[in-house]
Amino acid sequence: MIRRGVSLVFLVWVIGFLWFVVTLPGKAAGVKTDAVIVPTGGAGRIARGLEVLDQGLAARMLVSGVDPEVRPGEFAAEFGVEPEQMECCVTLGFAAVDTRSNAAETAKWVAQNEITSLRLVTTDWHMRRAASELDRTLPPHVTVIRDAVPSQPDFGTLFLEYHKLIASRVAGLVGV
């Protein structure tokens, strides 16, 4: 009986992992939102967020989890952002250190700026967990469009992120 239970749990885990790997999210269509949110940490995220701004798909951008030592001028120089665009449209958030605190920083910024729709830009393997944390943190009236940056994750990245997603979902269920 115990062997069957363990086998069933293992089978569910394997099927879940295969689903996670095979169905990584993709880019979003050209839907307009009030803002774009970019958690730091993965290649191509900030460039995609700036592309969304340049295409007029969002009017403002929050980059969440920026290293406190980074200055706006340094950020602008590294990513080729014009001073006017930095001033009007790009906010650097320095409070977040992980996915959960990215969601908290985002929720605070959304409330302060009366945002009702946002585009979440993050790496494809990170999208489900980042969106899940946002769903738990944001008010229900805020619409979140998922816009994943394609990547070539290795097995270790996928394995670790799948387990982080499971832990995040369990924490959400138990209210942690």
N, C-alpha and C. Protein backbone atom coordinates (compact mmCIF):
# COMPACT_ATOMS: atom_id res chain seq x y z
N MET A 1 0.82 -1.20 0.00
CA MET A 1 0.00 0.00 0.00
C MET A 1 0.87 1.27 0.00
N ILE A 2 1.90 1.30 0.84
CA ILE A 2 2.79 2.46 0.89
C ILE A 2 3.54 2.59 -0.43
N ARG A 3 3.97 1.46 -0.99
CA ARG A 3 4.69 1.48 -2.26
C ARG A 3 3.82 2.09 -3.36
N ARG A 4 2.54 1.75 -3.39
CA ARG A 4 1.63 2.30 -4.40
C ARG A 4 1.47 3.81 -4.21
N GLY A 5 1.35 4.22 -2.96
CA GLY A 5 1.22 5.66 -2.68
C GLY A 5 2.44 6.43 -3.13
N VAL A 6 3.62 5.91 -2.81
CA VAL A 6 4.87 6.56 -3.21
C VAL A 6 4.97 6.57 -4.73
N SER A 7 4.61 5.46 -5.37
CA SER A 7 4.65 5.38 -6.83
C SER A 7 3.71 6.39 -7.46
N LEU A 8 2.52 6.55 -6.89
CA LEU A 8 1.55 7.51 -7.40
C LEU A 8 2.08 8.94 -7.27
N VAL A 9 2.64 9.26 -6.12
CA VAL A 9 3.21 10.60 -5.91
C VAL A 9 4.33 10.85 -6.91
N PHE A 10 5.19 9.86 -7.11
CA PHE A 10 6.30 10.00 -8.06
C PHE A 10 5.77 10.20 -9.47
N LEU A 11 4.75 9.45 -9.86
CA LEU A 11 4.17 9.56 -11.19
C LEU A 11 3.57 10.95 -11.41
N VAL A 12 2.85 11.45 -10.42
CA VAL A 12 2.28 12.79 -10.51
C VAL A 12 3.40 13.82 -10.64
N TRP A 13 4.47 13.64 -9.87
CA TRP A 13 5.61 14.56 -9.92
C TRP A 13 6.22 14.55 -11.33
N VAL A 14 6.45 13.37 -11.90
CA VAL A 14 7.06 13.25 -13.23
C VAL A 14 6.17 13.89 -14.29
N ILE A 15 4.88 13.61 -14.26
CA ILE A 15 3.95 14.19 -15.23
C ILE A 15 3.93 15.72 -15.09
N GLY A 16 3.91 16.20 -13.84
CA GLY A 16 3.94 17.64 -13.60
C GLY A 16 5.21 18.29 -14.12
N PHE A 17 6.34 17.64 -13.91
CA PHE A 17 7.61 18.19 -14.38
C PHE A 17 7.64 18.21 -15.91
N LEU A 18 7.17 17.15 -16.54
CA LEU A 18 7.12 17.12 -18.01
C LEU A 18 6.22 18.23 -18.55
N TRP A 19 5.06 18.41 -17.92
CA TRP A 19 4.16 19.50 -18.31
C TRP A 19 4.87 20.85 -18.17
N PHE A 20 5.56 21.04 -17.06
CA PHE A 20 6.27 22.29 -16.79
C PHE A 20 7.30 22.58 -17.88
N VAL A 21 8.06 21.56 -18.27
CA VAL A 21 9.14 21.72 -19.26
C VAL A 21 8.60 21.92 -20.67
N VAL A 22 7.60 21.15 -21.04
CA VAL A 22 7.10 21.15 -22.41
C VAL A 22 6.23 22.36 -22.72
N THR A 23 5.58 22.92 -21.73
CA THR A 23 4.63 24.01 -21.97
C THR A 23 5.10 25.35 -21.40
N LEU A 24 6.38 25.66 -21.56
CA LEU A 24 6.87 26.96 -21.09
C LEU A 24 6.10 28.07 -21.79
N PRO A 25 5.69 29.11 -21.04
CA PRO A 25 4.92 30.21 -21.64
C PRO A 25 5.72 30.96 -22.70
N GLY A 26 5.01 31.69 -23.55
CA GLY A 26 5.64 32.46 -24.62
C GLY A 26 5.33 33.94 -24.51
N LYS A 27 5.70 34.67 -25.56
CA LYS A 27 5.44 36.11 -25.61
C LYS A 27 3.95 36.38 -25.70
N ALA A 28 3.55 37.52 -25.20
CA ALA A 28 2.14 37.94 -25.27
C ALA A 28 1.90 38.68 -26.57
N ALA A 29 0.66 38.67 -26.98
CA ALA A 29 0.26 39.45 -28.16
C ALA A 29 0.35 40.94 -27.83
N GLY A 30 0.10 41.78 -28.80
CA GLY A 30 0.24 43.22 -28.64
C GLY A 30 -0.86 43.90 -27.84
N VAL A 31 -1.19 43.37 -26.69
CA VAL A 31 -2.22 43.94 -25.82
C VAL A 31 -1.63 45.13 -25.06
N LYS A 32 -2.37 46.23 -25.02
CA LYS A 32 -1.92 47.39 -24.26
C LYS A 32 -2.29 47.24 -22.79
N THR A 33 -1.38 47.69 -21.92
CA THR A 33 -1.61 47.70 -20.48
C THR A 33 -1.16 49.05 -19.93
N ASP A 34 -1.56 49.33 -18.70
CA ASP A 34 -1.13 50.58 -18.07
C ASP A 34 0.37 50.59 -17.83
N ALA A 35 0.92 49.44 -17.48
CA ALA A 35 2.33 49.38 -17.09
C ALA A 35 2.92 48.03 -17.45
N VAL A 36 4.24 47.99 -17.43
CA VAL A 36 4.99 46.75 -17.59
C VAL A 36 5.85 46.57 -16.34
N ILE A 37 5.87 45.36 -15.84
CA ILE A 37 6.64 45.02 -14.63
C ILE A 37 7.74 44.06 -15.05
N VAL A 38 8.98 44.36 -14.67
CA VAL A 38 10.11 43.52 -15.01
C VAL A 38 10.90 43.19 -13.75
N PRO A 39 10.79 41.96 -13.25
CA PRO A 39 11.67 41.56 -12.15
C PRO A 39 13.07 41.32 -12.70
N THR A 40 14.09 41.80 -12.02
CA THR A 40 15.46 41.59 -12.49
C THR A 40 15.85 40.13 -12.31
N GLY A 41 16.92 39.73 -12.97
CA GLY A 41 17.45 38.41 -12.74
C GLY A 41 17.65 37.54 -13.95
N GLY A 42 17.10 37.88 -15.09
CA GLY A 42 17.26 37.02 -16.26
C GLY A 42 17.60 37.82 -17.49
N ALA A 43 18.39 37.23 -18.36
CA ALA A 43 18.79 37.88 -19.60
C ALA A 43 17.56 38.20 -20.46
N GLY A 44 17.56 39.38 -21.04
CA GLY A 44 16.52 39.77 -21.97
C GLY A 44 15.28 40.38 -21.35
N ARG A 45 15.14 40.31 -20.04
CA ARG A 45 13.93 40.82 -19.40
C ARG A 45 13.80 42.33 -19.56
N ILE A 46 14.84 43.06 -19.18
CA ILE A 46 14.78 44.53 -19.22
C ILE A 46 14.66 45.00 -20.66
N ALA A 47 15.39 44.38 -21.57
CA ALA A 47 15.30 44.75 -22.99
C ALA A 47 13.88 44.56 -23.49
N ARG A 48 13.23 43.47 -23.11
CA ARG A 48 11.84 43.23 -23.52
C ARG A 48 10.90 44.28 -22.92
N GLY A 49 11.10 44.62 -21.65
CA GLY A 49 10.29 45.65 -21.01
C GLY A 49 10.41 46.99 -21.73
N LEU A 50 11.63 47.36 -22.09
CA LEU A 50 11.85 48.61 -22.81
C LEU A 50 11.24 48.55 -24.21
N GLU A 51 11.27 47.39 -24.83
CA GLU A 51 10.64 47.20 -26.14
C GLU A 51 9.12 47.44 -26.03
N VAL A 52 8.53 46.94 -24.96
CA VAL A 52 7.09 47.14 -24.72
C VAL A 52 6.79 48.63 -24.60
N LEU A 53 7.62 49.36 -23.85
CA LEU A 53 7.44 50.82 -23.73
C LEU A 53 7.57 51.49 -25.10
N ASP A 54 8.63 51.14 -25.83
CA ASP A 54 8.88 51.77 -27.13
C ASP A 54 7.76 51.50 -28.13
N GLN A 55 7.12 50.34 -28.02
CA GLN A 55 6.02 50.00 -28.93
C GLN A 55 4.69 50.63 -28.49
N GLY A 56 4.70 51.33 -27.35
CA GLY A 56 3.47 51.96 -26.87
C GLY A 56 2.48 50.99 -26.27
N LEU A 57 2.95 49.80 -25.90
CA LEU A 57 2.06 48.79 -25.30
C LEU A 57 1.87 49.02 -23.80
N ALA A 58 2.67 49.90 -23.22
CA ALA A 58 2.53 50.31 -21.82
C ALA A 58 3.13 51.71 -21.70
N ALA A 59 2.61 52.47 -20.75
CA ALA A 59 3.08 53.85 -20.59
C ALA A 59 4.19 53.97 -19.54
N ARG A 60 4.26 53.00 -18.62
CA ARG A 60 5.23 53.08 -17.52
C ARG A 60 5.83 51.71 -17.29
N MET A 61 7.00 51.70 -16.66
CA MET A 61 7.67 50.44 -16.36
C MET A 61 8.28 50.47 -14.96
N LEU A 62 8.05 49.40 -14.21
CA LEU A 62 8.74 49.18 -12.94
C LEU A 62 9.73 48.05 -13.14
N VAL A 63 10.99 48.33 -12.82
CA VAL A 63 12.00 47.28 -12.79
C VAL A 63 12.18 46.95 -11.32
N SER A 64 11.73 45.77 -10.93
CA SER A 64 11.72 45.38 -9.52
C SER A 64 12.96 44.56 -9.16
N GLY A 65 13.51 44.85 -7.99
CA GLY A 65 14.65 44.08 -7.51
C GLY A 65 15.99 44.58 -8.01
N VAL A 66 16.08 45.87 -8.30
CA VAL A 66 17.33 46.46 -8.76
C VAL A 66 18.31 46.53 -7.58
N ASP A 67 19.56 46.23 -7.85
CA ASP A 67 20.60 46.32 -6.83
C ASP A 67 20.66 47.75 -6.30
N PRO A 68 20.66 47.94 -4.97
CA PRO A 68 20.66 49.29 -4.40
C PRO A 68 21.84 50.16 -4.83
N GLU A 69 22.91 49.56 -5.31
CA GLU A 69 24.08 50.35 -5.73
C GLU A 69 23.92 50.92 -7.14
N VAL A 70 22.93 50.44 -7.89
CA VAL A 70 22.70 50.93 -9.25
C VAL A 70 22.00 52.29 -9.20
N ARG A 71 22.54 53.24 -9.92
CA ARG A 71 21.95 54.57 -10.01
C ARG A 71 21.16 54.68 -11.32
N PRO A 72 20.11 55.51 -11.34
CA PRO A 72 19.32 55.65 -12.57
C PRO A 72 20.16 55.98 -13.81
N GLY A 73 21.16 56.83 -13.67
CA GLY A 73 22.02 57.17 -14.81
C GLY A 73 22.79 55.97 -15.33
N GLU A 74 23.25 55.14 -14.42
CA GLU A 74 23.96 53.91 -14.82
C GLU A 74 23.02 52.95 -15.55
N PHE A 75 21.82 52.82 -15.00
CA PHE A 75 20.82 51.96 -15.64
C PHE A 75 20.53 52.47 -17.05
N ALA A 76 20.29 53.77 -17.17
CA ALA A 76 19.97 54.37 -18.47
C ALA A 76 21.10 54.16 -19.47
N ALA A 77 22.33 54.33 -19.02
CA ALA A 77 23.47 54.15 -19.91
C ALA A 77 23.61 52.69 -20.34
N GLU A 78 23.43 51.77 -19.42
CA GLU A 78 23.58 50.35 -19.75
C GLU A 78 22.54 49.87 -20.75
N PHE A 79 21.30 50.37 -20.62
CA PHE A 79 20.21 49.88 -21.47
C PHE A 79 19.78 50.86 -22.56
N GLY A 80 20.54 51.96 -22.72
CA GLY A 80 20.25 52.91 -23.80
C GLY A 80 18.93 53.63 -23.64
N VAL A 81 18.58 53.99 -22.41
CA VAL A 81 17.32 54.69 -22.14
C VAL A 81 17.58 56.19 -22.12
N GLU A 82 16.80 56.92 -22.89
CA GLU A 82 16.94 58.37 -22.94
C GLU A 82 16.54 58.97 -21.59
N PRO A 83 17.17 60.08 -21.18
CA PRO A 83 16.84 60.71 -19.90
C PRO A 83 15.36 61.04 -19.74
N GLU A 84 14.72 61.50 -20.82
CA GLU A 84 13.30 61.84 -20.76
C GLU A 84 12.45 60.60 -20.45
N GLN A 85 12.82 59.48 -21.07
CA GLN A 85 12.08 58.25 -20.83
C GLN A 85 12.30 57.75 -19.39
N MET A 86 13.52 57.89 -18.90
CA MET A 86 13.79 57.51 -17.50
C MET A 86 12.93 58.34 -16.56
N GLU A 87 12.86 59.63 -16.84
CA GLU A 87 12.14 60.56 -15.97
C GLU A 87 10.64 60.27 -15.94
N CYS A 88 10.07 60.06 -17.10
CA CYS A 88 8.61 59.92 -17.17
C CYS A 88 8.11 58.50 -16.96
N CYS A 89 8.91 57.54 -17.36
CA CYS A 89 8.31 56.23 -17.60
C CYS A 89 8.96 55.05 -16.91
N VAL A 90 10.16 55.18 -16.39
CA VAL A 90 10.87 54.04 -15.81
C VAL A 90 11.11 54.28 -14.32
N THR A 91 10.61 53.36 -13.52
CA THR A 91 10.84 53.39 -12.07
C THR A 91 11.73 52.22 -11.70
N LEU A 92 12.78 52.50 -10.96
CA LEU A 92 13.64 51.43 -10.46
C LEU A 92 13.22 51.10 -9.03
N GLY A 93 12.89 49.84 -8.79
CA GLY A 93 12.50 49.40 -7.45
C GLY A 93 13.66 48.69 -6.79
N PHE A 94 14.00 49.12 -5.60
CA PHE A 94 15.18 48.59 -4.90
C PHE A 94 14.83 47.70 -3.71
N ALA A 95 13.54 47.48 -3.45
CA ALA A 95 13.14 46.78 -2.22
C ALA A 95 13.16 45.26 -2.34
N ALA A 96 13.03 44.72 -3.53
CA ALA A 96 12.86 43.27 -3.69
C ALA A 96 14.19 42.54 -3.77
N VAL A 97 14.18 41.32 -3.21
CA VAL A 97 15.37 40.46 -3.26
C VAL A 97 15.05 39.07 -3.80
N ASP A 98 13.76 38.77 -3.98
CA ASP A 98 13.34 37.47 -4.50
C ASP A 98 11.97 37.63 -5.16
N THR A 99 11.44 36.52 -5.67
CA THR A 99 10.18 36.57 -6.42
C THR A 99 9.02 37.06 -5.55
N ARG A 100 8.96 36.58 -4.32
CA ARG A 100 7.88 37.01 -3.43
C ARG A 100 7.96 38.50 -3.14
N SER A 101 9.15 39.01 -2.87
CA SER A 101 9.27 40.44 -2.59
C SER A 101 9.13 41.27 -3.87
N ASN A 102 9.41 40.70 -5.06
CA ASN A 102 9.09 41.38 -6.32
C ASN A 102 7.59 41.64 -6.39
N ALA A 103 6.80 40.63 -6.01
CA ALA A 103 5.34 40.77 -6.03
C ALA A 103 4.89 41.84 -5.04
N ALA A 104 5.48 41.87 -3.86
CA ALA A 104 5.11 42.87 -2.85
C ALA A 104 5.49 44.27 -3.33
N GLU A 105 6.68 44.41 -3.89
CA GLU A 105 7.11 45.71 -4.39
C GLU A 105 6.19 46.17 -5.54
N THR A 106 5.83 45.23 -6.40
CA THR A 106 4.93 45.53 -7.51
C THR A 106 3.57 45.97 -7.01
N ALA A 107 3.01 45.24 -6.04
CA ALA A 107 1.69 45.58 -5.50
C ALA A 107 1.67 46.99 -4.91
N LYS A 108 2.72 47.34 -4.21
CA LYS A 108 2.81 48.68 -3.63
C LYS A 108 2.86 49.74 -4.73
N TRP A 109 3.67 49.52 -5.75
CA TRP A 109 3.81 50.46 -6.86
C TRP A 109 2.50 50.57 -7.63
N VAL A 110 1.84 49.45 -7.86
CA VAL A 110 0.55 49.44 -8.57
C VAL A 110 -0.48 50.28 -7.81
N ALA A 111 -0.54 50.11 -6.50
CA ALA A 111 -1.49 50.88 -5.69
C ALA A 111 -1.17 52.38 -5.72
N GLN A 112 0.11 52.72 -5.60
CA GLN A 112 0.52 54.12 -5.59
C GLN A 112 0.24 54.82 -6.92
N ASN A 113 0.27 54.05 -8.00
CA ASN A 113 0.13 54.63 -9.34
C ASN A 113 -1.21 54.33 -10.00
N GLU A 114 -2.14 53.76 -9.23
CA GLU A 114 -3.49 53.48 -9.71
C GLU A 114 -3.49 52.69 -11.03
N ILE A 115 -2.69 51.65 -11.05
CA ILE A 115 -2.56 50.77 -12.22
C ILE A 115 -3.68 49.73 -12.18
N THR A 116 -4.36 49.52 -13.31
CA THR A 116 -5.41 48.50 -13.35
C THR A 116 -5.06 47.33 -14.28
N SER A 117 -4.01 47.52 -15.10
CA SER A 117 -3.57 46.42 -15.96
C SER A 117 -2.06 46.49 -16.11
N LEU A 118 -1.44 45.34 -16.09
CA LEU A 118 0.01 45.32 -16.24
C LEU A 118 0.45 44.12 -17.04
N ARG A 119 1.63 44.26 -17.62
CA ARG A 119 2.26 43.19 -18.38
C ARG A 119 3.46 42.73 -17.56
N LEU A 120 3.47 41.48 -17.20
CA LEU A 120 4.58 40.89 -16.48
C LEU A 120 5.57 40.34 -17.49
N VAL A 121 6.79 40.86 -17.48
CA VAL A 121 7.84 40.39 -18.37
C VAL A 121 8.88 39.69 -17.52
N THR A 122 9.02 38.39 -17.74
CA THR A 122 10.06 37.62 -17.07
C THR A 122 10.42 36.43 -17.95
N THR A 123 11.42 35.71 -17.57
CA THR A 123 11.89 34.56 -18.35
C THR A 123 10.83 33.46 -18.37
N ASP A 124 10.75 32.73 -19.47
CA ASP A 124 9.72 31.70 -19.64
C ASP A 124 9.67 30.70 -18.48
N TRP A 125 10.81 30.24 -18.00
CA TRP A 125 10.81 29.26 -16.91
C TRP A 125 10.40 29.86 -15.57
N HIS A 126 10.45 31.17 -15.43
CA HIS A 126 10.13 31.87 -14.18
C HIS A 126 8.69 32.40 -14.17
N MET A 127 8.04 32.41 -15.32
CA MET A 127 6.74 33.08 -15.47
C MET A 127 5.67 32.54 -14.54
N ARG A 128 5.51 31.23 -14.45
CA ARG A 128 4.40 30.68 -13.66
C ARG A 128 4.52 31.07 -12.19
N ARG A 129 5.70 31.00 -11.63
CA ARG A 129 5.86 31.32 -10.21
C ARG A 129 5.72 32.83 -9.99
N ALA A 130 6.29 33.64 -10.86
CA ALA A 130 6.19 35.10 -10.71
C ALA A 130 4.72 35.52 -10.83
N ALA A 131 4.00 34.97 -11.79
CA ALA A 131 2.58 35.31 -11.97
C ALA A 131 1.76 34.83 -10.78
N SER A 132 2.09 33.66 -10.26
CA SER A 132 1.37 33.12 -9.11
C SER A 132 1.54 34.02 -7.88
N GLU A 133 2.76 34.48 -7.66
CA GLU A 133 3.01 35.39 -6.54
C GLU A 133 2.26 36.71 -6.74
N LEU A 134 2.24 37.22 -7.97
CA LEU A 134 1.48 38.45 -8.25
C LEU A 134 0.00 38.25 -8.03
N ASP A 135 -0.53 37.11 -8.48
CA ASP A 135 -1.96 36.83 -8.31
C ASP A 135 -2.35 36.83 -6.83
N ARG A 136 -1.45 36.35 -5.99
CA ARG A 136 -1.74 36.33 -4.54
C ARG A 136 -1.63 37.71 -3.91
N THR A 137 -0.83 38.58 -4.51
CA THR A 137 -0.50 39.87 -3.89
C THR A 137 -1.34 41.03 -4.41
N LEU A 138 -1.67 41.02 -5.69
CA LEU A 138 -2.40 42.13 -6.29
C LEU A 138 -3.90 42.04 -6.00
N PRO A 139 -4.58 43.18 -5.98
CA PRO A 139 -6.04 43.15 -5.83
C PRO A 139 -6.67 42.48 -7.05
N PRO A 140 -7.85 41.89 -6.89
CA PRO A 140 -8.48 41.15 -8.00
C PRO A 140 -8.81 41.99 -9.24
N HIS A 141 -8.95 43.30 -9.09
CA HIS A 141 -9.31 44.14 -10.23
C HIS A 141 -8.13 44.44 -11.16
N VAL A 142 -6.91 44.05 -10.79
CA VAL A 142 -5.74 44.30 -11.63
C VAL A 142 -5.54 43.12 -12.58
N THR A 143 -5.55 43.43 -13.87
CA THR A 143 -5.34 42.42 -14.91
C THR A 143 -3.84 42.25 -15.16
N VAL A 144 -3.39 41.01 -15.24
CA VAL A 144 -1.98 40.72 -15.50
C VAL A 144 -1.87 39.94 -16.81
N ILE A 145 -1.13 40.51 -17.75
CA ILE A 145 -0.82 39.85 -19.02
C ILE A 145 0.58 39.25 -18.88
N ARG A 146 0.71 37.99 -19.20
CA ARG A 146 2.01 37.31 -19.09
C ARG A 146 2.76 37.40 -20.42
N ASP A 147 3.97 37.91 -20.35
CA ASP A 147 4.80 38.10 -21.54
C ASP A 147 6.18 37.50 -21.25
N ALA A 148 6.35 36.24 -21.64
CA ALA A 148 7.57 35.51 -21.30
C ALA A 148 8.69 35.76 -22.31
N VAL A 149 9.88 35.92 -21.78
CA VAL A 149 11.08 36.05 -22.60
C VAL A 149 11.61 34.64 -22.85
N PRO A 150 11.69 34.23 -24.12
CA PRO A 150 12.18 32.88 -24.41
C PRO A 150 13.63 32.70 -23.96
N SER A 151 13.93 31.50 -23.51
CA SER A 151 15.29 31.21 -23.06
C SER A 151 15.65 29.77 -23.42
N GLN A 152 16.84 29.40 -23.10
CA GLN A 152 17.32 28.03 -23.30
C GLN A 152 17.77 27.49 -21.94
N PRO A 153 16.82 27.25 -21.03
CA PRO A 153 17.21 26.83 -19.68
C PRO A 153 17.80 25.42 -19.68
N ASP A 154 18.76 25.22 -18.79
CA ASP A 154 19.32 23.88 -18.65
C ASP A 154 18.44 23.06 -17.69
N PHE A 155 18.72 21.79 -17.61
CA PHE A 155 17.93 20.88 -16.78
C PHE A 155 17.91 21.33 -15.32
N GLY A 156 19.06 21.76 -14.81
CA GLY A 156 19.14 22.19 -13.42
C GLY A 156 18.24 23.37 -13.11
N THR A 157 18.19 24.34 -14.02
CA THR A 157 17.32 25.50 -13.84
C THR A 157 15.86 25.09 -13.80
N LEU A 158 15.47 24.24 -14.75
CA LEU A 158 14.09 23.78 -14.82
C LEU A 158 13.72 22.95 -13.59
N PHE A 159 14.62 22.09 -13.17
CA PHE A 159 14.39 21.23 -12.01
C PHE A 159 14.18 22.08 -10.75
N LEU A 160 15.07 23.04 -10.55
CA LEU A 160 14.98 23.91 -9.37
C LEU A 160 13.72 24.78 -9.42
N GLU A 161 13.42 25.36 -10.57
CA GLU A 161 12.25 26.24 -10.68
C GLU A 161 10.95 25.47 -10.50
N TYR A 162 10.89 24.24 -10.99
CA TYR A 162 9.69 23.42 -10.80
C TYR A 162 9.43 23.20 -9.31
N HIS A 163 10.48 22.95 -8.56
CA HIS A 163 10.32 22.73 -7.13
C HIS A 163 9.98 24.03 -6.39
N LYS A 164 10.53 25.13 -6.84
CA LYS A 164 10.16 26.43 -6.26
C LYS A 164 8.69 26.74 -6.53
N LEU A 165 8.22 26.38 -7.73
CA LEU A 165 6.81 26.59 -8.06
C LEU A 165 5.91 25.75 -7.15
N ILE A 166 6.28 24.50 -6.96
CA ILE A 166 5.50 23.63 -6.06
C ILE A 166 5.48 24.21 -4.65
N ALA A 167 6.65 24.62 -4.15
CA ALA A 167 6.73 25.19 -2.80
C ALA A 167 5.90 26.47 -2.69
N SER A 168 5.94 27.30 -3.73
CA SER A 168 5.16 28.53 -3.73
C SER A 168 3.67 28.24 -3.70
N ARG A 169 3.22 27.27 -4.48
CA ARG A 169 1.80 26.91 -4.50
C ARG A 169 1.36 26.33 -3.17
N VAL A 170 2.19 25.48 -2.57
CA VAL A 170 1.86 24.91 -1.26
C VAL A 170 1.80 26.02 -0.21
N ALA A 171 2.76 26.94 -0.25
CA ALA A 171 2.75 28.06 0.70
C ALA A 171 1.48 28.90 0.52
N GLY A 172 1.05 29.08 -0.71
CA GLY A 172 -0.19 29.81 -0.97
C GLY A 172 -1.41 29.11 -0.43
N LEU A 173 -1.41 27.79 -0.53
CA LEU A 173 -2.55 27.01 -0.03
C LEU A 173 -2.66 27.05 1.49
N VAL A 174 -1.52 27.06 2.15
CA VAL A 174 -1.53 27.05 3.61
C VAL A 174 -1.46 28.47 4.20
N GLY A 175 -1.39 29.47 3.31
CA GLY A 175 -1.44 30.85 3.77
C GLY A 175 -0.15 31.39 4.31
N VAL A 176 0.98 30.85 3.87
CA VAL A 176 2.27 31.35 4.34
C VAL A 176 2.78 32.44 3.42
